[in-house]
PDB file of N, CA and C in Angstrom:
ATOM      1  N   MET A   1       1.368  13.083   5.830  1.00  0.00           N
ATOM      2  CA  MET A   1       2.219  13.334   4.690  1.00  0.00           C
ATOM      3  C   MET A   1       2.155  12.148   3.737  1.00  0.00           C
ATOM      4  N   LYS A   2       2.288  12.459   2.478  1.00  0.00           N
ATOM      5  CA  LYS A   2       2.323  11.440   1.435  1.00  0.00           C
ATOM      6  C   LYS A   2       3.517  11.685   0.522  1.00  0.00           C
ATOM      7  N   PHE A   3       3.941  10.643  -0.177  1.00  0.00           N
ATOM      8  CA  PHE A   3       4.954  10.813  -1.215  1.00  0.00           C
ATOM      9  C   PHE A   3       4.303  11.528  -2.384  1.00  0.00           C
ATOM     10  N   ASP A   4       5.029  12.507  -2.950  1.00  0.00           N
ATOM     11  CA  ASP A   4       4.505  13.125  -4.164  1.00  0.00           C
ATOM     12  C   ASP A   4       4.811  12.207  -5.349  1.00  0.00           C
ATOM     13  N   GLU A   5       4.333  12.569  -6.519  1.00  0.00           N
ATOM     14  CA  GLU A   5       4.482  11.684  -7.687  1.00  0.00           C
ATOM     15  C   GLU A   5       5.949  11.448  -8.043  1.00  0.00           C
ATOM     16  N   GLN A   6       6.779  12.477  -7.915  1.00  0.00           N
ATOM     17  CA  GLN A   6       8.209  12.325  -8.225  1.00  0.00           C
ATOM     18  C   GLN A   6       8.866  11.367  -7.228  1.00  0.00           C
ATOM     19  N   GLU A   7       8.545  11.515  -5.945  1.00  0.00           N
ATOM     20  CA  GLU A   7       9.103  10.617  -4.939  1.00  0.00           C
ATOM     21  C   GLU A   7       8.606   9.186  -5.156  1.00  0.00           C
ATOM     22  N   ARG A   8       7.326   9.068  -5.454  1.00  0.00           N
ATOM     23  CA  ARG A   8       6.737   7.741  -5.701  1.00  0.00           C
ATOM     24  C   ARG A   8       7.450   7.058  -6.872  1.00  0.00           C
ATOM     25  N   THR A   9       7.706   7.792  -7.943  1.00  0.00           N
ATOM     26  CA  THR A   9       8.404   7.241  -9.101  1.00  0.00           C
ATOM     27  C   THR A   9       9.821   6.830  -8.733  1.00  0.00           C
ATOM     28  N   ALA A  10      10.532   7.670  -7.991  1.00  0.00           N
ATOM     29  CA  ALA A  10      11.905   7.344  -7.588  1.00  0.00           C
ATOM     30  C   ALA A  10      11.932   6.098  -6.716  1.00  0.00           C
ATOM     31  N   LEU A  11      10.997   5.995  -5.787  1.00  0.00           N
ATOM     32  CA  LEU A  11      10.931   4.816  -4.925  1.00  0.00           C
ATOM     33  C   LEU A  11      10.637   3.556  -5.738  1.00  0.00           C
ATOM     34  N   THR A  12       9.695   3.650  -6.635  1.00  0.00           N
ATOM     35  CA  THR A  12       9.341   2.510  -7.486  1.00  0.00           C
ATOM     36  C   THR A  12      10.531   2.094  -8.344  1.00  0.00           C
ATOM     37  N   ASP A  13      11.233   3.072  -8.903  1.00  0.00           N
ATOM     38  CA  ASP A  13      12.418   2.775  -9.715  1.00  0.00           C
ATOM     39  C   ASP A  13      13.519   2.103  -8.898  1.00  0.00           C
ATOM     40  N   ALA A  14      13.565   2.395  -7.598  1.00  0.00           N
ATOM     41  CA  ALA A  14      14.574   1.800  -6.720  1.00  0.00           C
ATOM     42  C   ALA A  14      14.158   0.424  -6.218  1.00  0.00           C
ATOM     43  N   GLY A  15      12.964  -0.022  -6.588  1.00  0.00           N
ATOM     44  CA  GLY A  15      12.522  -1.354  -6.205  1.00  0.00           C
ATOM     45  C   GLY A  15      11.527  -1.396  -5.061  1.00  0.00           C
ATOM     46  N   PHE A  16      11.102  -0.236  -4.576  1.00  0.00           N
ATOM     47  CA  PHE A  16      10.128  -0.181  -3.487  1.00  0.00           C
ATOM     48  C   PHE A  16       8.725  -0.461  -4.009  1.00  0.00           C
ATOM     49  N   SER A  17       7.904  -1.026  -3.155  1.00  0.00           N
ATOM     50  CA  SER A  17       6.463  -1.097  -3.386  1.00  0.00           C
ATOM     51  C   SER A  17       5.854   0.046  -2.597  1.00  0.00           C
ATOM     52  N   VAL A  18       5.105   0.896  -3.252  1.00  0.00           N
ATOM     53  CA  VAL A  18       4.524   2.060  -2.592  1.00  0.00           C
ATOM     54  C   VAL A  18       3.041   1.778  -2.344  1.00  0.00           C
ATOM     55  N   ALA A  19       2.598   2.046  -1.130  1.00  0.00           N
ATOM     56  CA  ALA A  19       1.202   1.816  -0.771  1.00  0.00           C
ATOM     57  C   ALA A  19       0.283   2.662  -1.640  1.00  0.00           C
ATOM     58  N   ASP A  20      -0.921   2.166  -1.857  1.00  0.00           N
ATOM     59  CA  ASP A  20      -1.893   2.881  -2.691  1.00  0.00           C
ATOM     60  C   ASP A  20      -2.168   4.290  -2.188  1.00  0.00           C
ATOM     61  N   ASN A  21      -2.106   4.488  -0.866  1.00  0.00           N
ATOM     62  CA  ASN A  21      -2.364   5.819  -0.319  1.00  0.00           C
ATOM     63  C   ASN A  21      -1.102   6.694  -0.300  1.00  0.00           C
ATOM     64  N   SER A  22       0.007   6.171  -0.793  1.00  0.00           N
ATOM     65  CA  SER A  22       1.295   6.881  -0.899  1.00  0.00           C
ATOM     66  C   SER A  22       1.845   7.347   0.445  1.00  0.00           C
ATOM     67  N   LYS A  23       1.455   6.684   1.521  1.00  0.00           N
ATOM     68  CA  LYS A  23       1.954   7.074   2.840  1.00  0.00           C
ATOM     69  C   LYS A  23       3.109   6.200   3.321  1.00  0.00           C
ATOM     70  N   ALA A  24       3.377   5.119   2.619  1.00  0.00           N
ATOM     71  CA  ALA A  24       4.452   4.217   3.030  1.00  0.00           C
ATOM     72  C   ALA A  24       5.012   3.494   1.815  1.00  0.00           C
ATOM     73  N   ALA A  25       6.266   3.079   1.924  1.00  0.00           N
ATOM     74  CA  ALA A  25       6.913   2.299   0.879  1.00  0.00           C
ATOM     75  C   ALA A  25       7.661   1.157   1.540  1.00  0.00           C
ATOM     76  N   TYR A  26       7.743   0.030   0.854  1.00  0.00           N
ATOM     77  CA  TYR A  26       8.343  -1.179   1.399  1.00  0.00           C
ATOM     78  C   TYR A  26       9.349  -1.733   0.396  1.00  0.00           C
ATOM     79  N   VAL A  27      10.462  -2.206   0.932  1.00  0.00           N
ATOM     80  CA  VAL A  27      11.456  -2.879   0.100  1.00  0.00           C
ATOM     81  C   VAL A  27      12.207  -3.875   0.963  1.00  0.00           C
ATOM     82  N   GLU A  28      12.547  -5.011   0.371  1.00  0.00           N
ATOM     83  CA  GLU A  28      13.453  -5.934   1.037  1.00  0.00           C
ATOM     84  C   GLU A  28      14.855  -5.527   0.614  1.00  0.00           C
ATOM     85  N   ALA A  29      15.703  -5.311   1.604  1.00  0.00           N
ATOM     86  CA  ALA A  29      17.051  -4.841   1.311  1.00  0.00           C
ATOM     87  C   ALA A  29      18.046  -5.523   2.243  1.00  0.00           C
ATOM     88  N   VAL A  30      19.268  -5.583   1.804  1.00  0.00           N
ATOM     89  CA  VAL A  30      20.348  -6.042   2.654  1.00  0.00           C
ATOM     90  C   VAL A  30      20.818  -4.827   3.449  1.00  0.00           C
ATOM     91  N   VAL A  31      20.895  -4.993   4.764  1.00  0.00           N
ATOM     92  CA  VAL A  31      21.343  -3.900   5.625  1.00  0.00           C
ATOM     93  C   VAL A  31      22.641  -4.319   6.290  1.00  0.00           C
ATOM     94  N   VAL A  32      23.648  -3.478   6.158  1.00  0.00           N
ATOM     95  CA  VAL A  32      24.940  -3.738   6.772  1.00  0.00           C
ATOM     96  C   VAL A  32      25.176  -2.653   7.813  1.00  0.00           C
ATOM     97  N   ILE A  33      25.546  -3.071   9.023  1.00  0.00           N
ATOM     98  CA  ILE A  33      25.870  -2.115  10.075  1.00  0.00           C
ATOM     99  C   ILE A  33      27.357  -2.252  10.384  1.00  0.00           C
ATOM    100  N   ALA A  34      28.042  -1.123  10.471  1.00  0.00           N
ATOM    101  CA  ALA A  34      29.479  -1.141  10.730  1.00  0.00           C
ATOM    102  C   ALA A  34      29.862   0.041  11.606  1.00  0.00           C
ATOM    103  N   PRO A  35      30.745  -0.174  12.565  1.00  0.00           N
ATOM    104  CA  PRO A  35      31.211   0.948  13.368  1.00  0.00           C
ATOM    105  C   PRO A  35      32.008   1.921  12.506  1.00  0.00           C
ATOM    106  N   TYR A  36      31.722   3.194  12.664  1.00  0.00           N
ATOM    107  CA  TYR A  36      32.439   4.228  11.913  1.00  0.00           C
ATOM    108  C   TYR A  36      33.519   4.844  12.795  1.00  0.00           C
ATOM    109  N   ASP A  37      33.124   5.215  14.005  1.00  0.00           N
ATOM    110  CA  ASP A  37      34.071   5.738  14.976  1.00  0.00           C
ATOM    111  C   ASP A  37      33.523   5.415  16.359  1.00  0.00           C
ATOM    112  N   ALA A  38      34.080   6.024  17.396  1.00  0.00           N
ATOM    113  CA  ALA A  38      33.668   5.700  18.759  1.00  0.00           C
ATOM    114  C   ALA A  38      32.226   6.094  19.057  1.00  0.00           C
ATOM    115  N   GLU A  39      31.646   6.970  18.244  1.00  0.00           N
ATOM    116  CA  GLU A  39      30.306   7.477  18.545  1.00  0.00           C
ATOM    117  C   GLU A  39      29.233   7.110  17.527  1.00  0.00           C
ATOM    118  N   THR A  40      29.627   6.601  16.360  1.00  0.00           N
ATOM    119  CA  THR A  40      28.623   6.385  15.311  1.00  0.00           C
ATOM    120  C   THR A  40      28.790   5.044  14.591  1.00  0.00           C
ATOM    121  N   TYR A  41      27.666   4.598  14.033  1.00  0.00           N
ATOM    122  CA  TYR A  41      27.628   3.458  13.123  1.00  0.00           C
ATOM    123  C   TYR A  41      27.233   3.955  11.749  1.00  0.00           C
ATOM    124  N   TRP A  42      27.647   3.242  10.733  1.00  0.00           N
ATOM    125  CA  TRP A  42      27.129   3.443   9.382  1.00  0.00           C
ATOM    126  C   TRP A  42      26.154   2.318   9.113  1.00  0.00           C
ATOM    127  N   LEU A  43      24.964   2.666   8.666  1.00  0.00           N
ATOM    128  CA  LEU A  43      24.000   1.682   8.180  1.00  0.00           C
ATOM    129  C   LEU A  43      23.963   1.828   6.673  1.00  0.00           C
ATOM    130  N   THR A  44      24.208   0.742   5.966  1.00  0.00           N
ATOM    131  CA  THR A  44      24.159   0.765   4.509  1.00  0.00           C
ATOM    132  C   THR A  44      23.045  -0.155   4.046  1.00  0.00           C
ATOM    133  N   PHE A  45      22.124   0.389   3.269  1.00  0.00           N
ATOM    134  CA  PHE A  45      21.000  -0.358   2.716  1.00  0.00           C
ATOM    135  C   PHE A  45      21.279  -0.583   1.235  1.00  0.00           C
ATOM    136  N   ALA A  46      21.428  -1.831   0.828  1.00  0.00           N
ATOM    137  CA  ALA A  46      21.641  -2.173  -0.576  1.00  0.00           C
ATOM    138  C   ALA A  46      20.276  -2.464  -1.197  1.00  0.00           C
ATOM    139  N   LEU A  47      19.865  -1.652  -2.157  1.00  0.00           N
ATOM    140  CA  LEU A  47      18.545  -1.760  -2.769  1.00  0.00           C
ATOM    141  C   LEU A  47      18.565  -2.664  -3.995  1.00  0.00           C
ATOM    142  N   PRO A  48      17.392  -3.149  -4.404  1.00  0.00           N
ATOM    143  CA  PRO A  48      17.321  -4.058  -5.558  1.00  0.00           C
ATOM    144  C   PRO A  48      17.878  -3.477  -6.856  1.00  0.00           C
ATOM    145  N   ASN A  49      17.866  -2.152  -7.006  1.00  0.00           N
ATOM    146  CA  ASN A  49      18.382  -1.559  -8.246  1.00  0.00           C
ATOM    147  C   ASN A  49      19.880  -1.263  -8.164  1.00  0.00           C
ATOM    148  N   ASP A  50      20.559  -1.873  -7.204  1.00  0.00           N
ATOM    149  CA  ASP A  50      21.999  -1.717  -6.972  1.00  0.00           C
ATOM    150  C   ASP A  50      22.384  -0.371  -6.375  1.00  0.00           C
ATOM    151  N   ALA A  51      21.419   0.462  -6.047  1.00  0.00           N
ATOM    152  CA  ALA A  51      21.706   1.713  -5.337  1.00  0.00           C
ATOM    153  C   ALA A  51      21.946   1.392  -3.865  1.00  0.00           C
ATOM    154  N   LYS A  52      22.602   2.306  -3.176  1.00  0.00           N
ATOM    155  CA  LYS A  52      22.842   2.154  -1.746  1.00  0.00           C
ATOM    156  C   LYS A  52      22.429   3.430  -1.030  1.00  0.00           C
ATOM    157  N   ILE A  53      21.868   3.251   0.147  1.00  0.00           N
ATOM    158  CA  ILE A  53      21.558   4.366   1.033  1.00  0.00           C
ATOM    159  C   ILE A  53      22.444   4.196   2.252  1.00  0.00           C
ATOM    160  N   VAL A  54      23.167   5.240   2.629  1.00  0.00           N
ATOM    161  CA  VAL A  54      24.049   5.173   3.789  1.00  0.00           C
ATOM    162  C   VAL A  54      23.581   6.205   4.807  1.00  0.00           C
ATOM    163  N   CYS A  55      23.410   5.746   6.038  1.00  0.00           N
ATOM    164  CA  CYS A  55      23.011   6.621   7.140  1.00  0.00           C
ATOM    165  C   CYS A  55      24.064   6.528   8.229  1.00  0.00           C
ATOM    166  N   VAL A  56      24.380   7.659   8.826  1.00  0.00           N
ATOM    167  CA  VAL A  56      25.262   7.686   9.984  1.00  0.00           C
ATOM    168  C   VAL A  56      24.370   7.858  11.203  1.00  0.00           C
ATOM    169  N   VAL A  57      24.476   6.914  12.150  1.00  0.00           N
ATOM    170  CA  VAL A  57      23.578   6.889  13.305  1.00  0.00           C
ATOM    171  C   VAL A  57      24.407   6.801  14.585  1.00  0.00           C
ATOM    172  N   PRO A  58      24.048   7.598  15.600  1.00  0.00           N
ATOM    173  CA  PRO A  58      24.757   7.493  16.876  1.00  0.00           C
ATOM    174  C   PRO A  58      24.651   6.075  17.452  1.00  0.00           C
ATOM    175  N   ARG A  59      25.768   5.584  17.990  1.00  0.00           N
ATOM    176  CA  ARG A  59      25.810   4.224  18.533  1.00  0.00           C
ATOM    177  C   ARG A  59      24.751   4.006  19.605  1.00  0.00           C
ATOM    178  N   ASP A  60      24.539   4.984  20.474  1.00  0.00           N
ATOM    179  CA  ASP A  60      23.576   4.778  21.556  1.00  0.00           C
ATOM    180  C   ASP A  60      22.149   4.619  21.025  1.00  0.00           C
ATOM    181  N   GLN A  61      21.820   5.273  19.915  1.00  0.00           N
ATOM    182  CA  GLN A  61      20.481   5.120  19.339  1.00  0.00           C
ATOM    183  C   GLN A  61      20.288   3.717  18.776  1.00  0.00           C
ATOM    184  N   ILE A  62      21.308   3.162  18.139  1.00  0.00           N
ATOM    185  CA  ILE A  62      21.208   1.809  17.604  1.00  0.00           C
ATOM    186  C   ILE A  62      21.061   0.814  18.754  1.00  0.00           C
ATOM    187  N   ALA A  63      21.900   0.956  19.771  1.00  0.00           N
ATOM    188  CA  ALA A  63      21.825   0.042  20.915  1.00  0.00           C
ATOM    189  C   ALA A  63      20.454   0.121  21.572  1.00  0.00           C
ATOM    190  N   ASP A  64      19.929   1.331  21.757  1.00  0.00           N
ATOM    191  CA  ASP A  64      18.601   1.496  22.364  1.00  0.00           C
ATOM    192  C   ASP A  64      17.523   0.865  21.497  1.00  0.00           C
ATOM    193  N   ALA A  65      17.591   1.070  20.189  1.00  0.00           N
ATOM    194  CA  ALA A  65      16.576   0.523  19.290  1.00  0.00           C
ATOM    195  C   ALA A  65      16.592  -1.002  19.300  1.00  0.00           C
ATOM    196  N   ILE A  66      17.777  -1.584  19.275  1.00  0.00           N
ATOM    197  CA  ILE A  66      17.887  -3.044  19.298  1.00  0.00           C
ATOM    198  C   ILE A  66      17.399  -3.576  20.639  1.00  0.00           C
ATOM    199  N   THR A  67      17.829  -2.966  21.725  1.00  0.00           N
ATOM    200  CA  THR A  67      17.442  -3.411  23.058  1.00  0.00           C
ATOM    201  C   THR A  67      15.946  -3.248  23.276  1.00  0.00           C
ATOM    202  N   ASP A  68      15.386  -2.088  22.894  1.00  0.00           N
ATOM    203  CA  ASP A  68      13.951  -1.843  23.066  1.00  0.00           C
ATOM    204  C   ASP A  68      13.133  -2.816  22.235  1.00  0.00           C
ATOM    205  N   ASN A  69      13.533  -3.070  21.011  1.00  0.00           N
ATOM    206  CA  ASN A  69      12.809  -3.981  20.135  1.00  0.00           C
ATOM    207  C   ASN A  69      12.869  -5.401  20.687  1.00  0.00           C
ATOM    208  N   HIS A  70      14.027  -5.808  21.147  1.00  0.00           N
ATOM    209  CA  HIS A  70      14.172  -7.148  21.713  1.00  0.00           C
ATOM    210  C   HIS A  70      13.299  -7.289  22.958  1.00  0.00           C
ATOM    211  N   ALA A  71      13.303  -6.287  23.822  1.00  0.00           N
ATOM    212  CA  ALA A  71      12.496  -6.339  25.042  1.00  0.00           C
ATOM    213  C   ALA A  71      11.011  -6.382  24.708  1.00  0.00           C
ATOM    214  N   ALA A  72      10.589  -5.631  23.705  1.00  0.00           N
ATOM    215  CA  ALA A  72       9.181  -5.619  23.313  1.00  0.00           C
ATOM    216  C   ALA A  72       8.771  -6.983  22.768  1.00  0.00           C
ATOM    217  N   ARG A  73       9.609  -7.596  21.940  1.00  0.00           N
ATOM    218  CA  ARG A  73       9.282  -8.917  21.389  1.00  0.00           C
ATOM    219  C   ARG A  73       9.249  -9.964  22.497  1.00  0.00           C
ATOM    220  N   ARG A  74      10.198  -9.878  23.428  1.00  0.00           N
ATOM    221  CA  ARG A  74      10.251 -10.847  24.524  1.00  0.00           C
ATOM    222  C   ARG A  74       8.976 -10.740  25.364  1.00  0.00           C
ATOM    223  N   ASN A  75       8.517  -9.510  25.621  1.00  0.00           N
ATOM    224  CA  ASN A  75       7.298  -9.316  26.410  1.00  0.00           C
ATOM    225  C   ASN A  75       6.076  -9.858  25.676  1.00  0.00           C
ATOM    226  N   GLN A  76       6.045  -9.768  24.353  1.00  0.00           N
ATOM    227  CA  GLN A  76       4.917 -10.299  23.591  1.00  0.00           C
ATOM    228  C   GLN A  76       4.859 -11.812  23.670  1.00  0.00           C
ATOM    229  N   LEU A  77       6.006 -12.465  23.811  1.00  0.00           N
ATOM    230  CA  LEU A  77       6.048 -13.916  23.868  1.00  0.00           C
ATOM    231  C   LEU A  77       5.688 -14.463  25.234  1.00  0.00           C
ATOM    232  N   GLN A  78       5.810 -13.637  26.254  1.00  0.00           N
ATOM    233  CA  GLN A  78       5.543 -14.106  27.624  1.00  0.00           C
ATOM    234  C   GLN A  78       4.080 -14.058  27.954  1.00  0.00           C
TER     235      GLN A  78
END
């Protein structure tokens, strides 16, 4: 899958760098994680154009992702 021209333009306008093959986009953003309730976190991404993206993510998925990533990095260092 690739970004279409409209998506590519929207991403660029939001401050993303879009790969030449339109398969990926990159942006440096501030990410804030906050508990929403007993089962979910809110992830808020503050973009360079002052827009925000908010995602609601199950707590167990965040914990697994952080733990798995940490374990993978630790194994690479050993």
